[in-house]
N, C-alpha and C. Protein backbone atom coordinates (compact mmCIF):
# COMPACT_ATOMS: atom_id res chain seq x y z
N MET A 1 37.34 15.65 -4.77
CA MET A 1 36.96 14.25 -4.81
C MET A 1 36.64 13.72 -3.41
N ALA A 2 37.35 14.22 -2.41
CA ALA A 2 37.12 13.77 -1.04
C ALA A 2 35.72 14.19 -0.57
N TYR A 3 35.29 15.40 -1.00
CA TYR A 3 33.95 15.86 -0.63
C TYR A 3 32.88 14.95 -1.23
N ALA A 4 33.04 14.57 -2.50
CA ALA A 4 32.09 13.67 -3.16
C ALA A 4 32.07 12.31 -2.47
N GLN A 5 33.23 11.83 -2.09
CA GLN A 5 33.31 10.53 -1.41
C GLN A 5 32.59 10.59 -0.06
N ARG A 6 32.83 11.65 0.70
CA ARG A 6 32.15 11.79 2.00
C ARG A 6 30.64 11.90 1.81
N THR A 7 30.22 12.62 0.79
CA THR A 7 28.79 12.79 0.52
C THR A 7 28.15 11.46 0.16
N ILE A 8 28.79 10.67 -0.68
CA ILE A 8 28.26 9.37 -1.08
C ILE A 8 28.16 8.44 0.13
N HIS A 9 29.18 8.42 0.95
CA HIS A 9 29.15 7.58 2.15
C HIS A 9 28.06 8.03 3.12
N ALA A 10 27.91 9.35 3.27
CA ALA A 10 26.87 9.88 4.16
C ALA A 10 25.48 9.53 3.63
N LEU A 11 25.29 9.63 2.31
CA LEU A 11 23.99 9.27 1.72
C LEU A 11 23.68 7.79 1.89
N TYR A 12 24.70 6.96 1.72
CA TYR A 12 24.48 5.51 1.90
C TYR A 12 24.15 5.20 3.36
N LYS A 13 24.82 5.87 4.28
CA LYS A 13 24.54 5.64 5.69
C LYS A 13 23.12 6.10 6.02
N LYS A 14 22.69 7.22 5.45
CA LYS A 14 21.31 7.68 5.64
C LYS A 14 20.32 6.68 5.06
N LEU A 15 20.64 6.14 3.90
CA LEU A 15 19.77 5.16 3.25
C LEU A 15 19.60 3.93 4.14
N LEU A 16 20.67 3.50 4.77
CA LEU A 16 20.59 2.33 5.65
C LEU A 16 19.70 2.56 6.87
N THR A 17 19.52 3.82 7.26
CA THR A 17 18.64 4.10 8.40
C THR A 17 17.18 3.82 8.08
N LEU A 18 16.85 3.62 6.81
CA LEU A 18 15.47 3.32 6.42
C LEU A 18 15.12 1.84 6.62
N TYR A 19 16.11 1.00 6.86
CA TYR A 19 15.84 -0.41 7.16
C TYR A 19 15.10 -0.51 8.50
N PRO A 20 14.34 -1.57 8.71
CA PRO A 20 13.73 -1.78 10.03
C PRO A 20 14.81 -1.85 11.10
N GLN A 21 14.49 -1.43 12.30
CA GLN A 21 15.49 -1.28 13.36
C GLN A 21 16.23 -2.57 13.67
N ARG A 22 15.51 -3.70 13.80
CA ARG A 22 16.20 -4.96 14.14
C ARG A 22 17.19 -5.35 13.05
N PHE A 23 16.79 -5.18 11.80
CA PHE A 23 17.67 -5.50 10.67
C PHE A 23 18.90 -4.60 10.71
N ARG A 24 18.65 -3.31 10.93
CA ARG A 24 19.73 -2.33 10.95
C ARG A 24 20.71 -2.61 12.08
N GLU A 25 20.21 -2.96 13.25
CA GLU A 25 21.09 -3.24 14.39
C GLU A 25 22.03 -4.40 14.12
N ARG A 26 21.53 -5.39 13.38
CA ARG A 26 22.35 -6.58 13.12
C ARG A 26 23.31 -6.39 11.96
N LEU A 27 22.90 -5.67 10.91
CA LEU A 27 23.68 -5.69 9.68
C LEU A 27 24.20 -4.35 9.18
N GLU A 28 23.85 -3.26 9.83
CA GLU A 28 24.26 -1.95 9.32
C GLU A 28 25.78 -1.82 9.23
N GLU A 29 26.47 -2.21 10.26
CA GLU A 29 27.93 -2.06 10.30
C GLU A 29 28.60 -2.86 9.18
N SER A 30 28.18 -4.10 8.99
CA SER A 30 28.79 -4.91 7.94
C SER A 30 28.42 -4.40 6.54
N MET A 31 27.21 -3.88 6.40
CA MET A 31 26.82 -3.32 5.10
C MET A 31 27.64 -2.07 4.77
N LEU A 32 27.87 -1.24 5.78
CA LEU A 32 28.71 -0.05 5.57
C LEU A 32 30.13 -0.45 5.20
N GLN A 33 30.68 -1.43 5.89
CA GLN A 33 32.04 -1.88 5.61
C GLN A 33 32.15 -2.45 4.20
N THR A 34 31.16 -3.26 3.81
CA THR A 34 31.17 -3.83 2.46
C THR A 34 31.07 -2.73 1.41
N PHE A 35 30.19 -1.76 1.64
CA PHE A 35 30.05 -0.66 0.70
C PHE A 35 31.36 0.12 0.60
N ASN A 36 31.98 0.42 1.73
CA ASN A 36 33.25 1.16 1.70
C ASN A 36 34.32 0.40 0.93
N ASP A 37 34.43 -0.89 1.17
CA ASP A 37 35.44 -1.70 0.48
C ASP A 37 35.19 -1.72 -1.03
N LEU A 38 33.95 -1.98 -1.41
CA LEU A 38 33.63 -2.03 -2.85
C LEU A 38 33.78 -0.66 -3.50
N TYR A 39 33.42 0.38 -2.78
CA TYR A 39 33.58 1.74 -3.32
C TYR A 39 35.04 2.05 -3.60
N LYS A 40 35.93 1.68 -2.68
CA LYS A 40 37.36 1.92 -2.87
C LYS A 40 37.89 1.16 -4.08
N GLU A 41 37.41 -0.08 -4.26
CA GLU A 41 37.83 -0.87 -5.43
C GLU A 41 37.38 -0.23 -6.73
N ARG A 42 36.15 0.26 -6.76
CA ARG A 42 35.56 0.78 -7.99
C ARG A 42 35.94 2.23 -8.26
N GLN A 43 36.46 2.92 -7.28
CA GLN A 43 36.75 4.34 -7.42
C GLN A 43 37.75 4.61 -8.54
N ALA A 44 38.70 3.75 -8.70
CA ALA A 44 39.71 3.94 -9.74
C ALA A 44 39.16 3.63 -11.13
N GLU A 45 38.09 2.83 -11.18
CA GLU A 45 37.51 2.46 -12.47
C GLU A 45 36.59 3.57 -12.98
N SER A 46 36.29 3.51 -14.25
CA SER A 46 35.40 4.51 -14.82
C SER A 46 33.93 4.16 -14.57
N ALA A 47 33.65 2.97 -14.09
CA ALA A 47 32.27 2.53 -13.88
C ALA A 47 31.79 2.74 -12.45
N TRP A 48 32.44 3.62 -11.68
CA TRP A 48 32.05 3.78 -10.28
C TRP A 48 30.66 4.39 -10.15
N PHE A 49 30.25 5.24 -11.10
CA PHE A 49 28.91 5.84 -11.02
C PHE A 49 27.84 4.76 -11.18
N GLY A 50 28.05 3.82 -12.09
CA GLY A 50 27.12 2.71 -12.26
C GLY A 50 27.04 1.84 -11.02
N PHE A 51 28.19 1.63 -10.40
CA PHE A 51 28.23 0.86 -9.15
C PHE A 51 27.40 1.55 -8.07
N ILE A 52 27.56 2.85 -7.92
CA ILE A 52 26.82 3.59 -6.90
C ILE A 52 25.32 3.54 -7.19
N THR A 53 24.96 3.76 -8.44
CA THR A 53 23.54 3.72 -8.81
C THR A 53 22.95 2.35 -8.54
N TRP A 54 23.64 1.31 -8.96
CA TRP A 54 23.16 -0.06 -8.76
C TRP A 54 23.05 -0.38 -7.27
N THR A 55 24.05 0.03 -6.47
CA THR A 55 24.06 -0.26 -5.04
C THR A 55 22.91 0.46 -4.33
N PHE A 56 22.69 1.73 -4.66
CA PHE A 56 21.61 2.47 -4.03
C PHE A 56 20.26 1.89 -4.43
N ALA A 57 20.09 1.51 -5.69
CA ALA A 57 18.82 0.92 -6.13
C ALA A 57 18.58 -0.42 -5.46
N GLU A 58 19.62 -1.25 -5.39
CA GLU A 58 19.47 -2.56 -4.76
C GLU A 58 19.20 -2.42 -3.27
N THR A 59 19.84 -1.47 -2.62
CA THR A 59 19.59 -1.24 -1.20
C THR A 59 18.17 -0.74 -0.98
N GLY A 60 17.69 0.14 -1.85
CA GLY A 60 16.31 0.62 -1.76
C GLY A 60 15.31 -0.51 -1.89
N MET A 61 15.55 -1.44 -2.83
CA MET A 61 14.66 -2.59 -2.98
C MET A 61 14.74 -3.49 -1.75
N GLY A 62 15.91 -3.63 -1.19
CA GLY A 62 16.07 -4.43 0.02
C GLY A 62 15.32 -3.83 1.19
N ILE A 63 15.35 -2.52 1.31
CA ILE A 63 14.60 -1.83 2.38
C ILE A 63 13.12 -2.10 2.22
N PHE A 64 12.62 -1.95 1.01
CA PHE A 64 11.20 -2.20 0.73
C PHE A 64 10.84 -3.65 1.08
N ARG A 65 11.67 -4.58 0.65
CA ARG A 65 11.42 -6.01 0.90
C ARG A 65 11.42 -6.32 2.40
N GLU A 66 12.35 -5.75 3.14
CA GLU A 66 12.40 -6.00 4.58
C GLU A 66 11.18 -5.43 5.31
N HIS A 67 10.73 -4.27 4.87
CA HIS A 67 9.52 -3.71 5.50
C HIS A 67 8.29 -4.56 5.18
N ILE A 68 8.20 -5.06 3.98
CA ILE A 68 7.07 -5.94 3.62
C ILE A 68 7.14 -7.21 4.45
N LEU A 69 8.32 -7.80 4.58
CA LEU A 69 8.46 -9.01 5.40
C LEU A 69 8.14 -8.74 6.86
N LEU A 70 8.52 -7.56 7.34
CA LEU A 70 8.22 -7.20 8.72
C LEU A 70 6.71 -7.08 8.93
N ILE A 71 6.02 -6.46 7.98
CA ILE A 71 4.58 -6.27 8.09
C ILE A 71 3.85 -7.60 8.01
N THR A 72 4.22 -8.41 7.04
CA THR A 72 3.47 -9.64 6.80
C THR A 72 4.00 -10.82 7.58
N GLU A 73 5.21 -10.73 8.06
CA GLU A 73 5.85 -11.83 8.78
C GLU A 73 5.75 -13.14 8.01
N GLY A 74 5.91 -13.03 6.69
CA GLY A 74 5.95 -14.20 5.83
C GLY A 74 4.61 -14.76 5.41
N ALA A 75 3.50 -14.24 5.89
CA ALA A 75 2.17 -14.74 5.54
C ALA A 75 1.34 -13.60 4.96
N THR A 76 1.66 -13.21 3.76
CA THR A 76 1.08 -12.03 3.15
C THR A 76 -0.44 -12.06 3.12
N MET A 77 -1.03 -13.05 2.49
CA MET A 77 -2.48 -13.07 2.35
C MET A 77 -3.17 -13.23 3.70
N LYS A 78 -2.60 -14.04 4.57
CA LYS A 78 -3.20 -14.24 5.89
C LYS A 78 -3.24 -12.92 6.65
N THR A 79 -2.17 -12.16 6.59
CA THR A 79 -2.10 -10.89 7.31
C THR A 79 -3.03 -9.86 6.70
N ILE A 80 -3.01 -9.74 5.39
CA ILE A 80 -3.82 -8.72 4.73
C ILE A 80 -5.31 -9.00 4.91
N ILE A 81 -5.72 -10.24 4.76
CA ILE A 81 -7.13 -10.57 4.83
C ILE A 81 -7.68 -10.49 6.24
N SER A 82 -6.87 -10.74 7.25
CA SER A 82 -7.40 -10.78 8.61
C SER A 82 -7.10 -9.54 9.44
N ASN A 83 -6.30 -8.62 8.94
CA ASN A 83 -5.97 -7.41 9.70
C ASN A 83 -6.99 -6.32 9.39
N THR A 84 -7.96 -6.14 10.28
CA THR A 84 -9.03 -5.18 10.02
C THR A 84 -8.54 -3.74 10.03
N ARG A 85 -7.38 -3.48 10.58
CA ARG A 85 -6.85 -2.11 10.54
C ARG A 85 -6.48 -1.71 9.12
N LEU A 86 -6.27 -2.69 8.25
CA LEU A 86 -5.94 -2.39 6.86
C LEU A 86 -7.17 -2.15 5.99
N ALA A 87 -8.37 -2.38 6.51
CA ALA A 87 -9.59 -2.24 5.71
C ALA A 87 -9.73 -0.85 5.08
N PRO A 88 -9.52 0.25 5.82
CA PRO A 88 -9.65 1.56 5.17
C PRO A 88 -8.64 1.78 4.05
N VAL A 89 -7.42 1.30 4.25
CA VAL A 89 -6.39 1.46 3.23
C VAL A 89 -6.72 0.64 2.00
N ILE A 90 -7.08 -0.62 2.21
CA ILE A 90 -7.42 -1.50 1.09
C ILE A 90 -8.62 -0.96 0.33
N SER A 91 -9.64 -0.51 1.06
CA SER A 91 -10.83 0.00 0.39
C SER A 91 -10.53 1.26 -0.39
N PHE A 92 -9.67 2.11 0.12
CA PHE A 92 -9.32 3.31 -0.63
C PHE A 92 -8.55 2.95 -1.90
N ILE A 93 -7.56 2.08 -1.77
CA ILE A 93 -6.71 1.74 -2.92
C ILE A 93 -7.50 1.01 -4.01
N PHE A 94 -8.33 0.05 -3.63
CA PHE A 94 -9.00 -0.78 -4.63
C PHE A 94 -10.41 -0.32 -4.99
N CYS A 95 -11.10 0.41 -4.11
CA CYS A 95 -12.51 0.72 -4.35
C CYS A 95 -12.78 2.20 -4.56
N VAL A 96 -11.85 3.08 -4.26
CA VAL A 96 -12.09 4.51 -4.42
C VAL A 96 -11.07 5.13 -5.38
N LEU A 97 -9.79 4.87 -5.17
CA LEU A 97 -8.74 5.49 -5.97
C LEU A 97 -8.91 5.28 -7.47
N PRO A 98 -9.27 4.08 -7.94
CA PRO A 98 -9.44 3.93 -9.40
C PRO A 98 -10.49 4.88 -9.97
N PHE A 99 -11.57 5.13 -9.24
CA PHE A 99 -12.61 6.03 -9.72
C PHE A 99 -12.18 7.48 -9.63
N MET A 100 -11.35 7.81 -8.63
CA MET A 100 -10.81 9.17 -8.55
C MET A 100 -9.90 9.44 -9.74
N VAL A 101 -9.07 8.47 -10.07
CA VAL A 101 -8.16 8.62 -11.22
C VAL A 101 -8.97 8.71 -12.51
N LEU A 102 -9.99 7.87 -12.65
CA LEU A 102 -10.84 7.89 -13.83
C LEU A 102 -11.54 9.23 -13.98
N GLU A 103 -12.08 9.76 -12.90
CA GLU A 103 -12.76 11.05 -12.94
C GLU A 103 -11.78 12.17 -13.28
N TRP A 104 -10.58 12.11 -12.71
CA TRP A 104 -9.59 13.14 -12.99
C TRP A 104 -9.11 13.06 -14.44
N ALA A 105 -8.93 11.85 -14.95
CA ALA A 105 -8.41 11.67 -16.31
C ALA A 105 -9.42 12.07 -17.38
N THR A 106 -10.70 12.00 -17.08
CA THR A 106 -11.71 12.30 -18.10
C THR A 106 -12.37 13.66 -17.90
N ARG A 107 -11.87 14.47 -17.02
CA ARG A 107 -12.49 15.78 -16.82
C ARG A 107 -12.28 16.64 -18.06
N SER A 108 -13.20 17.53 -18.26
CA SER A 108 -13.12 18.40 -19.43
C SER A 108 -13.60 19.79 -19.03
N ASN A 109 -13.65 20.68 -20.00
CA ASN A 109 -14.09 22.05 -19.74
C ASN A 109 -15.60 22.20 -19.91
N LEU A 110 -16.29 21.11 -20.16
CA LEU A 110 -17.74 21.16 -20.30
C LEU A 110 -18.36 21.56 -18.97
N PRO A 111 -19.53 22.24 -19.04
CA PRO A 111 -20.15 22.65 -17.78
C PRO A 111 -20.65 21.45 -16.99
N ARG A 112 -20.05 21.23 -15.89
CA ARG A 112 -20.46 20.15 -14.99
C ARG A 112 -19.82 20.40 -13.64
N SER A 113 -20.35 19.81 -12.67
CA SER A 113 -19.74 19.96 -11.35
C SER A 113 -18.77 18.80 -11.16
N ASP A 114 -17.60 19.12 -10.69
CA ASP A 114 -16.64 18.06 -10.40
C ASP A 114 -17.15 17.23 -9.24
N ALA A 115 -16.58 16.08 -9.09
CA ALA A 115 -17.01 15.17 -8.02
C ALA A 115 -16.86 15.85 -6.67
N ASP A 116 -17.90 15.80 -5.91
CA ASP A 116 -17.95 16.38 -4.59
C ASP A 116 -17.15 15.49 -3.63
N PRO A 117 -16.46 16.07 -2.67
CA PRO A 117 -15.74 15.23 -1.70
C PRO A 117 -16.66 14.25 -0.97
N ALA A 118 -17.93 14.61 -0.83
CA ALA A 118 -18.87 13.70 -0.17
C ALA A 118 -19.00 12.39 -0.96
N LEU A 119 -18.89 12.47 -2.28
CA LEU A 119 -18.95 11.27 -3.12
C LEU A 119 -17.84 10.31 -2.74
N TRP A 120 -16.62 10.83 -2.58
CA TRP A 120 -15.49 9.98 -2.26
C TRP A 120 -15.61 9.43 -0.85
N VAL A 121 -16.15 10.22 0.08
CA VAL A 121 -16.32 9.76 1.45
C VAL A 121 -17.33 8.63 1.51
N VAL A 122 -18.44 8.77 0.78
CA VAL A 122 -19.47 7.72 0.77
C VAL A 122 -18.91 6.44 0.14
N LEU A 123 -18.21 6.56 -1.00
CA LEU A 123 -17.61 5.38 -1.63
C LEU A 123 -16.63 4.71 -0.67
N TRP A 124 -15.81 5.50 -0.01
CA TRP A 124 -14.82 4.95 0.91
C TRP A 124 -15.48 4.31 2.12
N PHE A 125 -16.50 4.95 2.69
CA PHE A 125 -17.20 4.40 3.85
C PHE A 125 -17.85 3.06 3.51
N LEU A 126 -18.56 3.00 2.38
CA LEU A 126 -19.23 1.75 2.00
C LEU A 126 -18.22 0.63 1.76
N SER A 127 -17.15 0.94 1.03
CA SER A 127 -16.17 -0.11 0.74
C SER A 127 -15.41 -0.53 2.00
N THR A 128 -15.12 0.39 2.88
CA THR A 128 -14.48 0.03 4.15
C THR A 128 -15.38 -0.88 4.96
N GLY A 129 -16.68 -0.58 4.96
CA GLY A 129 -17.63 -1.41 5.70
C GLY A 129 -17.66 -2.85 5.21
N PHE A 130 -17.79 -3.02 3.88
CA PHE A 130 -17.89 -4.42 3.44
C PHE A 130 -16.56 -5.15 3.51
N ILE A 131 -15.45 -4.45 3.36
CA ILE A 131 -14.15 -5.12 3.50
C ILE A 131 -13.90 -5.49 4.97
N ALA A 132 -14.24 -4.61 5.90
CA ALA A 132 -14.05 -4.90 7.32
C ALA A 132 -14.90 -6.09 7.76
N ILE A 133 -16.14 -6.14 7.30
CA ILE A 133 -17.01 -7.27 7.65
C ILE A 133 -16.45 -8.56 7.09
N LEU A 134 -16.00 -8.53 5.84
CA LEU A 134 -15.40 -9.72 5.24
C LEU A 134 -14.17 -10.15 6.02
N MET A 135 -13.36 -9.20 6.45
CA MET A 135 -12.16 -9.53 7.23
C MET A 135 -12.51 -10.15 8.57
N LEU A 136 -13.57 -9.67 9.21
CA LEU A 136 -13.99 -10.25 10.48
C LEU A 136 -14.45 -11.69 10.32
N ILE A 137 -15.17 -11.97 9.24
CA ILE A 137 -15.61 -13.35 8.96
C ILE A 137 -14.38 -14.23 8.73
N VAL A 138 -13.44 -13.74 7.94
CA VAL A 138 -12.22 -14.52 7.66
C VAL A 138 -11.43 -14.74 8.94
N ARG A 139 -11.33 -13.72 9.79
CA ARG A 139 -10.59 -13.86 11.05
C ARG A 139 -11.22 -14.93 11.94
N ASN A 140 -12.56 -14.97 11.99
CA ASN A 140 -13.23 -16.00 12.79
C ASN A 140 -12.93 -17.40 12.26
N VAL A 141 -12.93 -17.55 10.96
CA VAL A 141 -12.64 -18.86 10.36
C VAL A 141 -11.19 -19.24 10.64
N GLN A 142 -10.26 -18.30 10.51
CA GLN A 142 -8.85 -18.59 10.76
C GLN A 142 -8.59 -18.92 12.22
N ALA A 143 -9.38 -18.38 13.11
CA ALA A 143 -9.22 -18.66 14.54
C ALA A 143 -9.75 -20.03 14.91
N GLY A 144 -10.34 -20.73 13.96
CA GLY A 144 -10.85 -22.07 14.23
C GLY A 144 -12.31 -22.09 14.61
N ASN A 145 -12.94 -20.93 14.60
CA ASN A 145 -14.37 -20.88 14.90
C ASN A 145 -15.15 -21.37 13.69
N LYS A 146 -16.07 -22.22 13.92
CA LYS A 146 -16.90 -22.70 12.82
C LYS A 146 -17.89 -21.60 12.45
N LEU A 147 -18.17 -21.50 11.17
CA LEU A 147 -19.07 -20.46 10.70
C LEU A 147 -20.44 -20.53 11.37
N LEU A 148 -20.93 -21.72 11.59
CA LEU A 148 -22.27 -21.87 12.14
C LEU A 148 -22.27 -21.95 13.67
N ALA A 149 -21.14 -21.66 14.31
CA ALA A 149 -21.09 -21.68 15.77
C ALA A 149 -21.97 -20.58 16.35
N ASN A 150 -22.06 -19.46 15.67
CA ASN A 150 -22.91 -18.35 16.10
C ASN A 150 -23.71 -17.89 14.89
N PRO A 151 -24.81 -18.57 14.56
CA PRO A 151 -25.53 -18.29 13.33
C PRO A 151 -26.16 -16.90 13.27
N VAL A 152 -26.56 -16.35 14.39
CA VAL A 152 -27.17 -15.01 14.38
C VAL A 152 -26.13 -13.97 13.98
N SER A 153 -24.95 -14.05 14.57
CA SER A 153 -23.87 -13.13 14.23
C SER A 153 -23.47 -13.28 12.77
N LEU A 154 -23.38 -14.51 12.30
CA LEU A 154 -23.05 -14.75 10.91
C LEU A 154 -24.11 -14.17 9.98
N LEU A 155 -25.36 -14.39 10.28
CA LEU A 155 -26.45 -13.88 9.45
C LEU A 155 -26.42 -12.35 9.40
N LEU A 156 -26.23 -11.71 10.55
CA LEU A 156 -26.16 -10.25 10.57
C LEU A 156 -24.95 -9.74 9.78
N SER A 157 -23.83 -10.42 9.92
CA SER A 157 -22.63 -10.02 9.17
C SER A 157 -22.85 -10.16 7.68
N VAL A 158 -23.44 -11.26 7.25
CA VAL A 158 -23.68 -11.48 5.83
C VAL A 158 -24.67 -10.45 5.29
N ILE A 159 -25.72 -10.17 6.04
CA ILE A 159 -26.70 -9.18 5.59
C ILE A 159 -26.06 -7.80 5.50
N LEU A 160 -25.31 -7.41 6.52
CA LEU A 160 -24.63 -6.12 6.49
C LEU A 160 -23.61 -6.05 5.36
N PHE A 161 -22.86 -7.13 5.16
CA PHE A 161 -21.91 -7.19 4.04
C PHE A 161 -22.63 -7.00 2.72
N ALA A 162 -23.74 -7.69 2.53
CA ALA A 162 -24.49 -7.60 1.27
C ALA A 162 -25.05 -6.19 1.07
N VAL A 163 -25.54 -5.58 2.13
CA VAL A 163 -26.09 -4.22 2.01
C VAL A 163 -24.99 -3.23 1.63
N PHE A 164 -23.85 -3.29 2.31
CA PHE A 164 -22.75 -2.39 1.97
C PHE A 164 -22.28 -2.61 0.53
N ALA A 165 -22.10 -3.85 0.14
CA ALA A 165 -21.64 -4.14 -1.22
C ALA A 165 -22.66 -3.69 -2.25
N TRP A 166 -23.93 -3.97 -2.01
CA TRP A 166 -24.98 -3.59 -2.95
C TRP A 166 -25.06 -2.07 -3.09
N GLN A 167 -24.99 -1.34 -1.97
CA GLN A 167 -25.05 0.11 -2.02
C GLN A 167 -23.84 0.68 -2.76
N TRP A 168 -22.68 0.09 -2.55
CA TRP A 168 -21.48 0.57 -3.24
C TRP A 168 -21.62 0.37 -4.75
N VAL A 169 -22.08 -0.82 -5.15
CA VAL A 169 -22.26 -1.09 -6.58
C VAL A 169 -23.29 -0.15 -7.18
N GLU A 170 -24.41 0.06 -6.51
CA GLU A 170 -25.44 0.98 -7.01
C GLU A 170 -24.90 2.40 -7.12
N PHE A 171 -24.12 2.80 -6.14
CA PHE A 171 -23.54 4.14 -6.15
C PHE A 171 -22.58 4.32 -7.32
N VAL A 172 -21.76 3.32 -7.56
CA VAL A 172 -20.81 3.39 -8.68
C VAL A 172 -21.55 3.42 -10.01
N ILE A 173 -22.58 2.59 -10.16
CA ILE A 173 -23.37 2.57 -11.40
C ILE A 173 -24.03 3.93 -11.62
N ASP A 174 -24.58 4.51 -10.55
CA ASP A 174 -25.24 5.81 -10.65
C ASP A 174 -24.26 6.92 -11.03
N GLN A 175 -23.05 6.87 -10.51
CA GLN A 175 -22.08 7.93 -10.73
C GLN A 175 -21.13 7.67 -11.90
N MET A 176 -21.25 6.54 -12.56
CA MET A 176 -20.33 6.20 -13.65
C MET A 176 -20.28 7.27 -14.75
N PRO A 177 -21.41 7.86 -15.17
CA PRO A 177 -21.28 8.94 -16.17
C PRO A 177 -20.40 10.09 -15.69
N CYS A 178 -20.45 10.40 -14.42
CA CYS A 178 -19.61 11.46 -13.88
C CYS A 178 -18.13 11.05 -13.90
N PHE A 179 -17.86 9.79 -13.57
CA PHE A 179 -16.49 9.30 -13.58
C PHE A 179 -15.93 9.33 -15.00
N LEU A 180 -16.80 9.17 -15.99
CA LEU A 180 -16.36 9.12 -17.38
C LEU A 180 -16.41 10.48 -18.06
N GLY A 181 -16.63 11.56 -17.29
CA GLY A 181 -16.57 12.91 -17.85
C GLY A 181 -17.87 13.40 -18.44
N GLY A 182 -18.97 12.83 -18.03
CA GLY A 182 -20.27 13.27 -18.54
C GLY A 182 -20.62 14.67 -18.06
N THR A 183 -21.56 15.30 -18.77
CA THR A 183 -21.97 16.64 -18.39
C THR A 183 -23.13 16.60 -17.42
N GLY A 184 -23.29 17.67 -16.66
CA GLY A 184 -24.42 17.80 -15.75
C GLY A 184 -24.37 16.88 -14.55
N CYS A 185 -23.23 16.44 -14.14
CA CYS A 185 -23.13 15.55 -12.98
C CYS A 185 -23.09 16.34 -11.70
């Protein structure tokens, strides 16, 4: 029983290391003490396994929540929309991954060529382009710059955004039979 107790405490301590560093520095010791106290109380009961499961799950959700708060600093949409470093990730998740899943889910043994990696690269490049341009426009507006303060830059951005978006839509329409498991793609 002592080995199981040491293992559970070691696992909980490892789990706490997943919290962001500032959070961990302030609260790790008190969280460990609270867990140890509650574990000792529940150890004699038959429901100690449920307590451990619930505690580990709740701690895992807390870790996730703290990392999200750290990333967004309380302004989720403002951060996501204006952080151009997130453009490749957002474009992959929302503009490429659904079609990859669709193509994978509808594949069959019929003679056809599976989607070429170049297809995914082109979809990702086009979607990253129009999302990054949109983010730059939003960042300028959030910074207090008026849209018409630099009309040439705005016009070029809008034209480039429209071209990237239009090419992406055309590409998806052209490749949709392949995504849906069509033959001869």
